[in-house]
Amino acid sequence: MKNKTIAAWLAFLGGPLGLHRFYLHGLGDMLGWLLPLPTALGVYGIQRVQQLGQDDQLSWLLIPLLGFTIAGCALRAILYGLMPPEKWNARFNPQGAPDAAPGRTNWFTVFAIAAALMIGTAVLMASIAYSFQHYFEYQIEEARKISQ
């Protein structure tokens, strides 16, 4: 029986590594194996900024991948937590009763939803701001080169 609370916490805390996918769909889940790729690329982007500085254009593309992956997994945690027990059990526990305990929402599920909402929103907004800031700085610098 797959527990909704465990799935929500795994999506929130270990989602960028695909842990929630492995819990729900098994080790044969292809998306679970693909999720660490943008996570690793984003971490590599952070390392590039630390080594090469803020002007590294490749890091401008890589860092938001990490942020969007974290935000997407937080959204998945929210969706898992808000799924009605009947729908949860029908999808992930088809052998059990529609109102079986693993699909029910409890306070730990609510805490997972709240944490995912707060952290996921903050990471998403930071990723968008980082992307736009560097994009517009690049555009201004290119315009200066053209005007000279």
N, C-alpha and C. Protein backbone atom coordinates (compact mmCIF):
# COMPACT_ATOMS: atom_id res chain seq x y z
N MET A 1 0.84 -1.18 0.00
CA MET A 1 0.00 0.00 0.00
C MET A 1 0.89 1.25 0.00
N LYS A 2 0.65 2.12 -0.93
CA LYS A 2 1.42 3.36 -1.06
C LYS A 2 0.75 4.45 -0.22
N ASN A 3 1.52 5.06 0.66
CA ASN A 3 1.02 6.06 1.57
C ASN A 3 1.14 7.45 0.96
N LYS A 4 0.06 8.21 0.99
CA LYS A 4 0.03 9.56 0.41
C LYS A 4 0.96 10.51 1.14
N THR A 5 1.03 10.42 2.45
CA THR A 5 1.89 11.31 3.23
C THR A 5 3.36 11.06 2.90
N ILE A 6 3.75 9.81 2.83
CA ILE A 6 5.14 9.48 2.50
C ILE A 6 5.46 9.97 1.09
N ALA A 7 4.55 9.77 0.16
CA ALA A 7 4.79 10.22 -1.22
C ALA A 7 4.93 11.73 -1.30
N ALA A 8 4.11 12.46 -0.53
CA ALA A 8 4.20 13.93 -0.54
C ALA A 8 5.54 14.39 0.02
N TRP A 9 5.98 13.80 1.13
CA TRP A 9 7.27 14.18 1.70
C TRP A 9 8.43 13.79 0.80
N LEU A 10 8.34 12.63 0.17
CA LEU A 10 9.40 12.22 -0.75
C LEU A 10 9.47 13.14 -1.96
N ALA A 11 8.31 13.57 -2.46
CA ALA A 11 8.30 14.49 -3.60
C ALA A 11 8.89 15.84 -3.20
N PHE A 12 8.61 16.28 -2.00
CA PHE A 12 9.12 17.57 -1.54
C PHE A 12 10.61 17.51 -1.23
N LEU A 13 11.03 16.53 -0.45
CA LEU A 13 12.43 16.48 0.00
C LEU A 13 13.36 15.79 -0.98
N GLY A 14 12.89 14.73 -1.62
CA GLY A 14 13.76 13.97 -2.50
C GLY A 14 13.31 13.96 -3.94
N GLY A 15 12.38 14.84 -4.27
CA GLY A 15 11.85 14.89 -5.63
C GLY A 15 12.88 15.11 -6.71
N PRO A 16 13.82 16.05 -6.52
CA PRO A 16 14.83 16.26 -7.57
C PRO A 16 15.71 15.04 -7.83
N LEU A 17 15.68 14.07 -6.95
CA LEU A 17 16.42 12.82 -7.17
C LEU A 17 15.49 11.71 -7.66
N GLY A 18 14.21 11.99 -7.76
CA GLY A 18 13.24 11.01 -8.27
C GLY A 18 12.74 10.03 -7.22
N LEU A 19 12.97 10.29 -5.94
CA LEU A 19 12.61 9.33 -4.90
C LEU A 19 11.11 9.04 -4.86
N HIS A 20 10.28 10.06 -5.06
CA HIS A 20 8.83 9.83 -5.04
C HIS A 20 8.39 8.96 -6.20
N ARG A 21 9.04 9.10 -7.34
CA ARG A 21 8.70 8.27 -8.50
C ARG A 21 9.07 6.81 -8.24
N PHE A 22 10.23 6.59 -7.63
CA PHE A 22 10.64 5.22 -7.33
C PHE A 22 9.72 4.60 -6.28
N TYR A 23 9.27 5.40 -5.31
CA TYR A 23 8.37 4.89 -4.28
C TYR A 23 7.03 4.48 -4.90
N LEU A 24 6.51 5.29 -5.80
CA LEU A 24 5.18 5.02 -6.35
C LEU A 24 5.18 4.07 -7.55
N HIS A 25 6.21 4.12 -8.37
CA HIS A 25 6.20 3.37 -9.63
C HIS A 25 7.29 2.31 -9.72
N GLY A 26 8.17 2.24 -8.74
CA GLY A 26 9.24 1.25 -8.76
C GLY A 26 10.50 1.76 -9.44
N LEU A 27 11.54 0.96 -9.37
CA LEU A 27 12.84 1.36 -9.92
C LEU A 27 12.87 1.37 -11.45
N GLY A 28 11.85 0.83 -12.10
CA GLY A 28 11.79 0.84 -13.56
C GLY A 28 11.21 2.10 -14.15
N ASP A 29 10.89 3.09 -13.31
CA ASP A 29 10.28 4.33 -13.79
C ASP A 29 11.32 5.21 -14.47
N MET A 30 11.12 5.47 -15.75
CA MET A 30 12.10 6.23 -16.52
C MET A 30 12.19 7.69 -16.07
N LEU A 31 11.06 8.31 -15.75
CA LEU A 31 11.08 9.70 -15.30
C LEU A 31 11.84 9.83 -13.98
N GLY A 32 11.73 8.84 -13.14
CA GLY A 32 12.50 8.84 -11.89
C GLY A 32 14.00 8.85 -12.14
N TRP A 33 14.43 8.15 -13.18
CA TRP A 33 15.86 8.13 -13.52
C TRP A 33 16.28 9.40 -14.25
N LEU A 34 15.35 10.10 -14.88
CA LEU A 34 15.70 11.33 -15.60
C LEU A 34 15.72 12.57 -14.70
N LEU A 35 14.99 12.55 -13.60
CA LEU A 35 14.92 13.72 -12.73
C LEU A 35 16.28 14.17 -12.18
N PRO A 36 17.20 13.29 -11.85
CA PRO A 36 18.49 13.77 -11.36
C PRO A 36 19.33 14.54 -12.40
N LEU A 37 19.02 14.39 -13.68
CA LEU A 37 19.82 15.10 -14.70
C LEU A 37 19.72 16.62 -14.58
N PRO A 38 18.52 17.22 -14.60
CA PRO A 38 18.49 18.68 -14.44
C PRO A 38 18.98 19.12 -13.07
N THR A 39 18.80 18.27 -12.07
CA THR A 39 19.31 18.59 -10.74
C THR A 39 20.83 18.68 -10.76
N ALA A 40 21.47 17.70 -11.36
CA ALA A 40 22.94 17.70 -11.45
C ALA A 40 23.44 18.86 -12.30
N LEU A 41 22.75 19.15 -13.40
CA LEU A 41 23.16 20.27 -14.24
C LEU A 41 23.04 21.60 -13.48
N GLY A 42 22.00 21.75 -12.68
CA GLY A 42 21.84 22.96 -11.88
C GLY A 42 22.92 23.10 -10.83
N VAL A 43 23.28 22.00 -10.20
CA VAL A 43 24.37 22.03 -9.21
C VAL A 43 25.68 22.37 -9.91
N TYR A 44 25.88 21.84 -11.10
CA TYR A 44 27.07 22.18 -11.88
C TYR A 44 27.09 23.67 -12.22
N GLY A 45 25.93 24.23 -12.52
CA GLY A 45 25.84 25.67 -12.79
C GLY A 45 26.23 26.49 -11.58
N ILE A 46 25.81 26.06 -10.41
CA ILE A 46 26.20 26.76 -9.17
C ILE A 46 27.70 26.68 -8.97
N GLN A 47 28.29 25.53 -9.23
CA GLN A 47 29.74 25.39 -9.10
C GLN A 47 30.47 26.28 -10.09
N ARG A 48 29.93 26.41 -11.31
CA ARG A 48 30.55 27.29 -12.31
C ARG A 48 30.53 28.74 -11.86
N VAL A 49 29.44 29.17 -11.25
CA VAL A 49 29.36 30.55 -10.76
C VAL A 49 30.38 30.77 -9.65
N GLN A 50 30.54 29.78 -8.78
CA GLN A 50 31.51 29.92 -7.71
C GLN A 50 32.94 29.97 -8.24
N GLN A 51 33.21 29.24 -9.32
CA GLN A 51 34.57 29.21 -9.87
C GLN A 51 34.82 30.35 -10.84
N LEU A 52 33.86 30.66 -11.71
CA LEU A 52 34.09 31.60 -12.80
C LEU A 52 33.44 32.96 -12.59
N GLY A 53 32.59 33.08 -11.63
CA GLY A 53 31.95 34.36 -11.35
C GLY A 53 30.58 34.48 -12.01
N GLN A 54 29.94 35.60 -11.77
CA GLN A 54 28.56 35.85 -12.21
C GLN A 54 28.43 36.02 -13.72
N ASP A 55 29.51 36.25 -14.43
CA ASP A 55 29.43 36.51 -15.87
C ASP A 55 29.44 35.25 -16.73
N ASP A 56 29.45 34.10 -16.13
CA ASP A 56 29.45 32.85 -16.88
C ASP A 56 28.05 32.60 -17.46
N GLN A 57 27.95 32.66 -18.79
CA GLN A 57 26.65 32.56 -19.44
C GLN A 57 26.06 31.15 -19.37
N LEU A 58 26.89 30.13 -19.37
CA LEU A 58 26.36 28.78 -19.27
C LEU A 58 25.66 28.55 -17.93
N SER A 59 26.21 29.13 -16.88
CA SER A 59 25.57 28.98 -15.57
C SER A 59 24.21 29.67 -15.53
N TRP A 60 24.01 30.69 -16.35
CA TRP A 60 22.71 31.37 -16.41
C TRP A 60 21.62 30.41 -16.89
N LEU A 61 22.01 29.46 -17.71
CA LEU A 61 21.05 28.47 -18.20
C LEU A 61 20.91 27.28 -17.26
N LEU A 62 21.98 26.91 -16.59
CA LEU A 62 21.99 25.71 -15.78
C LEU A 62 21.34 25.89 -14.40
N ILE A 63 21.59 27.01 -13.76
CA ILE A 63 21.07 27.22 -12.40
C ILE A 63 19.54 27.19 -12.37
N PRO A 64 18.84 27.85 -13.29
CA PRO A 64 17.37 27.75 -13.24
C PRO A 64 16.83 26.33 -13.42
N LEU A 65 17.58 25.45 -14.07
CA LEU A 65 17.13 24.05 -14.17
C LEU A 65 16.94 23.43 -12.79
N LEU A 66 17.86 23.71 -11.89
CA LEU A 66 17.74 23.20 -10.53
C LEU A 66 16.51 23.79 -9.85
N GLY A 67 16.35 25.09 -9.98
CA GLY A 67 15.20 25.75 -9.35
C GLY A 67 13.87 25.27 -9.89
N PHE A 68 13.77 25.11 -11.20
CA PHE A 68 12.52 24.65 -11.79
C PHE A 68 12.24 23.19 -11.43
N THR A 69 13.29 22.38 -11.29
CA THR A 69 13.10 21.00 -10.88
C THR A 69 12.60 20.92 -9.44
N ILE A 70 13.19 21.72 -8.56
CA ILE A 70 12.74 21.74 -7.17
C ILE A 70 11.31 22.24 -7.08
N ALA A 71 10.99 23.30 -7.83
CA ALA A 71 9.63 23.85 -7.80
C ALA A 71 8.62 22.85 -8.37
N GLY A 72 8.99 22.15 -9.43
CA GLY A 72 8.09 21.15 -10.00
C GLY A 72 7.83 19.99 -9.05
N CYS A 73 8.86 19.58 -8.34
CA CYS A 73 8.68 18.51 -7.36
C CYS A 73 7.86 18.98 -6.16
N ALA A 74 8.02 20.23 -5.78
CA ALA A 74 7.17 20.77 -4.71
C ALA A 74 5.71 20.80 -5.16
N LEU A 75 5.48 21.16 -6.41
CA LEU A 75 4.12 21.14 -6.94
C LEU A 75 3.57 19.72 -6.93
N ARG A 76 4.38 18.76 -7.28
CA ARG A 76 3.94 17.36 -7.26
C ARG A 76 3.58 16.94 -5.83
N ALA A 77 4.36 17.40 -4.84
CA ALA A 77 4.05 17.10 -3.44
C ALA A 77 2.70 17.70 -3.05
N ILE A 78 2.43 18.91 -3.50
CA ILE A 78 1.14 19.54 -3.21
C ILE A 78 0.01 18.75 -3.86
N LEU A 79 0.20 18.34 -5.11
CA LEU A 79 -0.84 17.57 -5.80
C LEU A 79 -1.09 16.22 -5.13
N TYR A 80 -0.02 15.56 -4.70
CA TYR A 80 -0.20 14.30 -3.97
C TYR A 80 -0.98 14.54 -2.68
N GLY A 81 -0.59 15.56 -1.94
CA GLY A 81 -1.23 15.82 -0.65
C GLY A 81 -2.69 16.21 -0.76
N LEU A 82 -3.06 16.89 -1.84
CA LEU A 82 -4.44 17.33 -2.00
C LEU A 82 -5.33 16.33 -2.73
N MET A 83 -4.75 15.22 -3.19
CA MET A 83 -5.54 14.23 -3.91
C MET A 83 -6.53 13.55 -2.95
N PRO A 84 -7.80 13.46 -3.34
CA PRO A 84 -8.78 12.80 -2.48
C PRO A 84 -8.40 11.33 -2.24
N PRO A 85 -8.74 10.80 -1.06
CA PRO A 85 -8.36 9.42 -0.73
C PRO A 85 -8.87 8.40 -1.75
N GLU A 86 -10.09 8.60 -2.25
CA GLU A 86 -10.64 7.65 -3.21
C GLU A 86 -9.80 7.62 -4.50
N LYS A 87 -9.43 8.79 -4.95
CA LYS A 87 -8.62 8.87 -6.18
C LYS A 87 -7.21 8.30 -5.93
N TRP A 88 -6.64 8.62 -4.76
CA TRP A 88 -5.31 8.12 -4.42
C TRP A 88 -5.30 6.59 -4.40
N ASN A 89 -6.26 6.04 -3.68
CA ASN A 89 -6.30 4.58 -3.54
C ASN A 89 -6.63 3.90 -4.87
N ALA A 90 -7.47 4.53 -5.68
CA ALA A 90 -7.78 3.94 -6.99
C ALA A 90 -6.55 3.92 -7.88
N ARG A 91 -5.72 4.94 -7.76
CA ARG A 91 -4.54 5.04 -8.64
C ARG A 91 -3.35 4.24 -8.12
N PHE A 92 -3.05 4.36 -6.82
CA PHE A 92 -1.83 3.76 -6.29
C PHE A 92 -2.07 2.53 -5.42
N ASN A 93 -3.29 2.31 -4.97
CA ASN A 93 -3.63 1.15 -4.15
C ASN A 93 -4.91 0.49 -4.68
N PRO A 94 -4.90 0.03 -5.91
CA PRO A 94 -6.15 -0.49 -6.49
C PRO A 94 -6.67 -1.74 -5.79
N GLN A 95 -5.81 -2.47 -5.08
CA GLN A 95 -6.26 -3.68 -4.39
C GLN A 95 -6.96 -3.36 -3.08
N GLY A 96 -6.83 -2.14 -2.56
CA GLY A 96 -7.43 -1.77 -1.27
C GLY A 96 -8.79 -1.13 -1.44
N ALA A 97 -9.39 -0.85 -0.31
CA ALA A 97 -10.70 -0.17 -0.30
C ALA A 97 -10.53 1.28 -0.73
N PRO A 98 -11.58 1.87 -1.30
CA PRO A 98 -11.47 3.27 -1.75
C PRO A 98 -11.14 4.26 -0.64
N ASP A 99 -11.53 3.97 0.58
CA ASP A 99 -11.24 4.89 1.68
C ASP A 99 -10.19 4.31 2.64
N ALA A 100 -9.27 3.51 2.13
CA ALA A 100 -8.23 2.90 2.95
C ALA A 100 -7.33 3.96 3.58
N ALA A 101 -6.75 3.63 4.70
CA ALA A 101 -5.94 4.58 5.47
C ALA A 101 -4.75 5.18 4.72
N PRO A 102 -4.03 4.45 3.86
CA PRO A 102 -2.88 5.06 3.18
C PRO A 102 -3.22 6.26 2.29
N GLY A 103 -4.46 6.38 1.88
CA GLY A 103 -4.84 7.50 1.03
C GLY A 103 -5.41 8.68 1.78
N ARG A 104 -5.55 8.54 3.09
CA ARG A 104 -6.15 9.62 3.88
C ARG A 104 -5.14 10.73 4.17
N THR A 105 -5.69 11.92 4.33
CA THR A 105 -4.88 13.09 4.66
C THR A 105 -4.82 13.23 6.18
N ASN A 106 -3.62 13.48 6.71
CA ASN A 106 -3.45 13.73 8.14
C ASN A 106 -2.61 14.99 8.32
N TRP A 107 -2.25 15.30 9.54
CA TRP A 107 -1.51 16.54 9.79
C TRP A 107 -0.11 16.52 9.16
N PHE A 108 0.51 15.37 9.09
CA PHE A 108 1.82 15.30 8.45
C PHE A 108 1.71 15.60 6.95
N THR A 109 0.59 15.21 6.36
CA THR A 109 0.35 15.53 4.94
C THR A 109 0.17 17.03 4.78
N VAL A 110 -0.59 17.64 5.68
CA VAL A 110 -0.82 19.09 5.63
C VAL A 110 0.49 19.84 5.79
N PHE A 111 1.35 19.38 6.69
CA PHE A 111 2.66 20.02 6.86
C PHE A 111 3.51 19.90 5.59
N ALA A 112 3.43 18.76 4.93
CA ALA A 112 4.16 18.57 3.67
C ALA A 112 3.64 19.53 2.61
N ILE A 113 2.33 19.70 2.54
CA ILE A 113 1.74 20.62 1.57
C ILE A 113 2.19 22.04 1.86
N ALA A 114 2.12 22.45 3.13
CA ALA A 114 2.50 23.82 3.50
C ALA A 114 3.98 24.09 3.22
N ALA A 115 4.84 23.14 3.59
CA ALA A 115 6.28 23.32 3.35
C ALA A 115 6.57 23.37 1.86
N ALA A 116 5.94 22.49 1.09
CA ALA A 116 6.16 22.48 -0.36
C ALA A 116 5.67 23.77 -0.99
N LEU A 117 4.56 24.29 -0.49
CA LEU A 117 4.04 25.54 -1.04
C LEU A 117 4.98 26.70 -0.76
N MET A 118 5.48 26.79 0.46
CA MET A 118 6.38 27.90 0.81
C MET A 118 7.72 27.81 0.08
N ILE A 119 8.37 26.68 0.19
CA ILE A 119 9.70 26.53 -0.40
C ILE A 119 9.62 26.50 -1.91
N GLY A 120 8.65 25.78 -2.45
CA GLY A 120 8.51 25.69 -3.91
C GLY A 120 8.26 27.05 -4.55
N THR A 121 7.41 27.85 -3.93
CA THR A 121 7.13 29.19 -4.45
C THR A 121 8.37 30.07 -4.39
N ALA A 122 9.08 30.02 -3.27
CA ALA A 122 10.28 30.85 -3.13
C ALA A 122 11.34 30.45 -4.16
N VAL A 123 11.54 29.16 -4.35
CA VAL A 123 12.54 28.70 -5.32
C VAL A 123 12.13 29.06 -6.75
N LEU A 124 10.85 28.91 -7.05
CA LEU A 124 10.38 29.26 -8.39
C LEU A 124 10.56 30.74 -8.67
N MET A 125 10.18 31.59 -7.74
CA MET A 125 10.33 33.04 -7.94
C MET A 125 11.80 33.43 -8.05
N ALA A 126 12.65 32.81 -7.23
CA ALA A 126 14.09 33.11 -7.30
C ALA A 126 14.66 32.67 -8.65
N SER A 127 14.24 31.55 -9.16
CA SER A 127 14.73 31.06 -10.45
C SER A 127 14.30 31.98 -11.59
N ILE A 128 13.05 32.41 -11.55
CA ILE A 128 12.56 33.33 -12.58
C ILE A 128 13.30 34.66 -12.50
N ALA A 129 13.46 35.19 -11.29
CA ALA A 129 14.17 36.47 -11.12
C ALA A 129 15.61 36.36 -11.59
N TYR A 130 16.28 35.27 -11.24
CA TYR A 130 17.67 35.07 -11.66
C TYR A 130 17.77 35.02 -13.18
N SER A 131 16.87 34.28 -13.80
CA SER A 131 16.89 34.14 -15.26
C SER A 131 16.68 35.49 -15.94
N PHE A 132 15.65 36.20 -15.53
CA PHE A 132 15.34 37.48 -16.17
C PHE A 132 16.42 38.52 -15.91
N GLN A 133 16.95 38.56 -14.70
CA GLN A 133 17.99 39.52 -14.39
C GLN A 133 19.19 39.34 -15.31
N HIS A 134 19.65 38.10 -15.43
CA HIS A 134 20.83 37.88 -16.26
C HIS A 134 20.53 38.04 -17.75
N TYR A 135 19.34 37.70 -18.16
CA TYR A 135 18.96 37.91 -19.56
C TYR A 135 18.97 39.40 -19.90
N PHE A 136 18.37 40.22 -19.07
CA PHE A 136 18.31 41.65 -19.36
C PHE A 136 19.67 42.32 -19.21
N GLU A 137 20.48 41.88 -18.28
CA GLU A 137 21.84 42.42 -18.18
C GLU A 137 22.63 42.10 -19.45
N TYR A 138 22.46 40.89 -19.96
CA TYR A 138 23.13 40.50 -21.19
C TYR A 138 22.64 41.36 -22.37
N GLN A 139 21.35 41.60 -22.44
CA GLN A 139 20.80 42.42 -23.52
C GLN A 139 21.32 43.85 -23.45
N ILE A 140 21.42 44.41 -22.27
CA ILE A 140 21.94 45.77 -22.12
C ILE A 140 23.41 45.82 -22.53
N GLU A 141 24.18 44.83 -22.15
CA GLU A 141 25.60 44.80 -22.52
C GLU A 141 25.77 44.68 -24.02
N GLU A 142 24.96 43.86 -24.66
CA GLU A 142 25.04 43.73 -26.12
C GLU A 142 24.62 45.03 -26.81
N ALA A 143 23.62 45.70 -26.27
CA ALA A 143 23.20 46.97 -26.85
C ALA A 143 24.31 48.02 -26.72
N ARG A 144 25.04 48.00 -25.62
CA ARG A 144 26.16 48.92 -25.45
C ARG A 144 27.26 48.63 -26.48
N LYS A 145 27.51 47.35 -26.74
CA LYS A 145 28.54 47.00 -27.73
C LYS A 145 28.14 47.49 -29.12
N ILE A 146 26.87 47.35 -29.46
CA ILE A 146 26.39 47.77 -30.77
C ILE A 146 26.45 49.28 -30.91
N SER A 147 26.14 50.01 -29.84
CA SER A 147 26.08 51.48 -29.93
C SER A 147 27.46 52.12 -29.98
N GLN A 148 28.50 51.38 -29.67
CA GLN A 148 29.84 51.99 -29.66
C GLN A 148 30.54 51.84 -30.97
